[in-house]
Amino acid sequence: MWGSMVSPTMEAGVQRAHRRYQETADGHTDDFDLQFAAALTVPPPKGSLTLSIKVERLRVLAQRFRGHAGLHATILRYATQSDVQASRNEANLLVGEPALTNRPGVGV
């Protein structure tokens, strides 16, 4: 999970906590807050909890829990987190470097 920064004991505790989060969410399927927290916190059985997995889980929640505007905003935030990046030429121009024009939409 965090590589060499975490001891095996600490890693086991984190995994145990994730199992308990999931068990609690599984026992309260109608509780939006618990489902939302589990979707964003509990990693899948194999691999890490990526943005795409979070978005997929949140979309499933959106079908189950209609009318949560914050849920749709969170989906949008996670879905665009790696796709939308703002770049500005001002920093480059201030230090005398060329403007950024080699990426789509930059320098327009």
Foldseek 3Di string as FASTA:
>chain_A
DPPPVDDPVRVVVLLVVLVVLVVVCVVCVPDLVSQLCNLQRRAPPDDGNALVSSLVSLVVVCVVDPDDPVSVVVSVCSVCVVPDDDDAQPVCVVVVHDADDPDPPGPD
